[in-house]
Amino acid sequence: MDDSSPLDLRLRSLLSDADLSAKQVGGAVYDVCIPAGLREWVVNVRMTEAWVSLRTFVLSVPESAPVRARLLEAALLANGRTSLTKFSLGADNALSLELEYRQEHLDSAVLRNLVCLAVKVGEAEYPRLFRIATGESALDQLESAFNRAES
C-alpha cells in the first residue's frame, strides 16, 4: 500500500527519522512492532490534520461479569495514574492503550518517545491486568517460560 498524501509522507518521514521500523496499513496509518518483556507490542500510529493517535492492543476482556468488572476497574485506576495514555474498551471486547498528541508539535524524537511511552505503560500494567483476566497461574507460567528462554 502506498499513499503519497502529504500526511502519509510526513508520518513516513517521522517514523524513518525516529528509527522505527513500520508497516503501512492504510493512508497515514502504520504499525510499529516493539519487542519487550513478555510480549511484542504492535503500536498503531495514525496521523490526521490535527492529531497523531497511537493505539496498542493489550488483551481481550473476558465475558465473565465478575472478572470483567475487576479488569475494567483496574484499567480505570491505571488511567488515573497516567496523563497521556488511557485504556479503552472497544466494541470487540479488546482492551487497548491509547494516546493522542497534537500533530503540530510532533517531530521524530517526540514520536519515538510517544511509541516508547505506550510500550512502557503497557509493559507496566500488563502483568496485573493479565493476572486479573486469566488468573495468577497463567502469567506465572508465561514468565517462567520467558525466564528459561533468557537463560
Protein backbone atom coordinates (compact mmCIF):
# COMPACT_ATOMS: atom_id res chain seq x y z
CA MET A 1 0.00 0.00 0.00
CA ASP A 2 1.44 3.37 -0.96
CA ASP A 3 -0.35 6.59 -0.11
CA SER A 4 1.54 9.66 -1.20
CA SER A 5 -0.63 12.19 0.63
CA PRO A 6 1.25 14.93 2.48
CA LEU A 7 0.17 13.41 5.83
CA ASP A 8 1.44 9.98 4.85
CA LEU A 9 4.74 11.37 3.59
CA ARG A 10 5.20 13.33 6.83
CA LEU A 11 4.40 10.33 9.04
CA ARG A 12 6.61 8.01 6.98
CA SER A 13 9.48 10.50 7.26
CA LEU A 14 8.99 10.92 11.02
CA LEU A 15 8.96 7.15 11.57
CA SER A 16 12.11 6.74 9.49
CA ASP A 17 13.92 9.60 11.25
CA ALA A 18 12.88 8.10 14.61
CA ASP A 19 14.47 4.81 13.52
CA LEU A 20 11.16 2.98 13.96
CA SER A 21 10.52 0.10 11.61
CA ALA A 22 6.91 0.39 10.49
CA LYS A 23 4.48 -1.33 8.16
CA GLN A 24 1.95 0.79 6.33
CA VAL A 25 -1.59 -0.44 6.95
CA GLY A 26 -3.55 2.48 5.50
CA GLY A 27 -3.29 6.09 4.40
CA ALA A 28 -1.14 7.81 7.05
CA VAL A 29 -1.53 4.70 9.25
CA TYR A 30 1.39 2.48 10.25
CA ASP A 31 2.02 -0.40 12.65
CA VAL A 32 5.25 -0.30 14.67
CA CYS A 33 6.31 -3.59 16.32
CA ILE A 34 8.30 -3.29 19.54
CA PRO A 35 9.56 -6.46 21.25
CA ALA A 36 9.54 -6.14 25.03
CA GLY A 37 9.47 -8.21 28.23
CA LEU A 38 6.72 -10.78 27.99
CA ARG A 39 5.35 -9.89 24.55
CA GLU A 40 5.65 -7.87 21.39
CA TRP A 41 3.66 -4.64 21.27
CA VAL A 42 2.17 -3.54 17.95
CA VAL A 43 1.60 0.20 18.15
CA ASN A 44 -0.76 1.54 15.52
CA VAL A 45 0.21 5.12 14.58
CA ARG A 46 -2.38 7.23 12.74
CA MET A 47 -1.98 10.83 11.62
CA THR A 48 -4.72 13.32 10.80
CA GLU A 49 -4.52 17.02 10.03
CA ALA A 50 -4.60 17.87 13.74
CA TRP A 51 -3.57 14.78 15.71
CA VAL A 52 -1.31 11.77 15.82
CA SER A 53 -3.07 8.87 17.56
CA LEU A 54 -1.37 5.76 18.92
CA ARG A 55 -3.17 2.59 19.95
CA THR A 56 -1.95 -0.80 21.04
CA PHE A 57 -3.96 -3.91 21.88
CA VAL A 58 -3.47 -5.05 25.47
CA LEU A 59 -5.78 -8.05 25.90
CA SER A 60 -9.26 -9.41 25.30
CA VAL A 61 -11.68 -8.71 28.12
CA PRO A 62 -13.34 -11.88 29.45
CA GLU A 63 -17.12 -12.16 29.30
CA SER A 64 -17.40 -13.34 32.91
CA ALA A 65 -19.14 -10.42 34.66
CA PRO A 66 -17.10 -10.50 37.91
CA VAL A 67 -13.75 -10.82 36.11
CA ARG A 68 -14.78 -8.21 33.54
CA ALA A 69 -15.75 -5.75 36.29
CA ARG A 70 -12.46 -6.24 38.17
CA LEU A 71 -10.45 -5.85 34.98
CA LEU A 72 -12.23 -2.69 33.86
CA GLU A 73 -11.91 -1.21 37.35
CA ALA A 74 -8.15 -1.92 37.27
CA ALA A 75 -7.90 -0.25 33.83
CA LEU A 76 -9.78 2.82 35.10
CA LEU A 77 -7.48 3.04 38.13
CA ALA A 78 -4.48 2.82 35.77
CA ASN A 79 -5.97 5.71 33.75
CA GLY A 80 -5.88 7.81 36.89
CA ARG A 81 -2.15 7.15 37.32
CA THR A 82 -1.16 8.30 33.83
CA SER A 83 -1.60 11.59 32.00
CA LEU A 84 -1.10 10.88 28.29
CA THR A 85 -2.08 7.23 27.93
CA LYS A 86 -5.56 5.84 28.56
CA PHE A 87 -7.04 2.36 28.50
CA SER A 88 -10.23 1.96 26.49
CA LEU A 89 -12.61 -0.86 25.70
CA GLY A 90 -13.51 -1.48 22.07
CA ALA A 91 -16.75 -2.95 20.73
CA ASP A 92 -14.92 -6.25 20.15
CA ASN A 93 -14.05 -6.58 23.88
CA ALA A 94 -10.48 -5.50 23.16
CA LEU A 95 -8.78 -3.53 25.90
CA SER A 96 -6.42 -1.07 24.22
CA LEU A 97 -3.99 1.56 25.38
CA GLU A 98 -4.31 4.85 23.51
CA LEU A 99 -2.84 8.30 23.38
CA GLU A 100 -3.24 11.40 21.23
CA TYR A 101 -0.81 14.21 20.62
CA ARG A 102 -1.12 17.43 18.62
CA GLN A 103 0.41 16.85 15.21
CA GLU A 104 1.76 20.41 15.01
CA HIS A 105 4.10 19.71 17.96
CA LEU A 106 5.36 16.40 16.60
CA ASP A 107 8.90 15.66 15.49
CA SER A 108 10.73 12.35 15.15
CA ALA A 109 12.11 12.40 18.72
CA VAL A 110 8.66 13.10 20.17
CA LEU A 111 7.13 10.35 18.04
CA ARG A 112 9.73 7.85 19.22
CA ASN A 113 9.09 8.90 22.83
CA LEU A 114 5.32 8.51 22.39
CA VAL A 115 5.71 4.99 20.96
CA CYS A 116 8.10 4.10 23.80
CA LEU A 117 5.68 5.57 26.34
CA ALA A 118 2.83 3.42 25.05
CA VAL A 119 5.03 0.33 25.33
CA LYS A 120 6.37 1.30 28.76
CA VAL A 121 2.89 1.86 30.21
CA GLY A 122 1.65 -1.33 28.56
CA GLU A 123 4.56 -3.32 29.99
CA ALA A 124 4.00 -1.85 33.45
CA GLU A 125 0.25 -2.54 33.56
CA TYR A 126 0.02 -5.74 31.51
CA PRO A 127 1.05 -8.26 34.21
CA ARG A 128 -1.57 -7.00 36.66
CA LEU A 129 -4.31 -6.84 34.03
CA PHE A 130 -3.36 -10.25 32.61
CA ARG A 131 -3.50 -11.82 36.09
CA ILE A 132 -6.97 -10.40 36.66
CA ALA A 133 -8.17 -11.61 33.25
CA THR A 134 -6.71 -15.12 33.40
CA GLY A 135 -5.81 -15.89 36.99
CA GLU A 136 -2.41 -16.00 38.66
CA SER A 137 -1.07 -19.24 37.21
CA ALA A 138 -1.27 -18.32 33.52
CA LEU A 139 1.14 -15.39 33.81
CA ASP A 140 3.42 -17.27 36.18
CA GLN A 141 3.81 -19.99 33.52
CA LEU A 142 4.47 -17.40 30.81
CA GLU A 143 7.06 -15.58 32.95
CA SER A 144 8.74 -18.88 33.80
CA ALA A 145 8.98 -19.83 30.11
CA PHE A 146 10.35 -16.37 29.26
CA ASN A 147 12.97 -16.60 32.02
CA ARG A 148 14.07 -20.03 30.80
CA ALA A 149 14.42 -18.68 27.26
CA GLU A 150 16.53 -15.77 28.54
CA SER A 151 18.95 -18.15 30.32
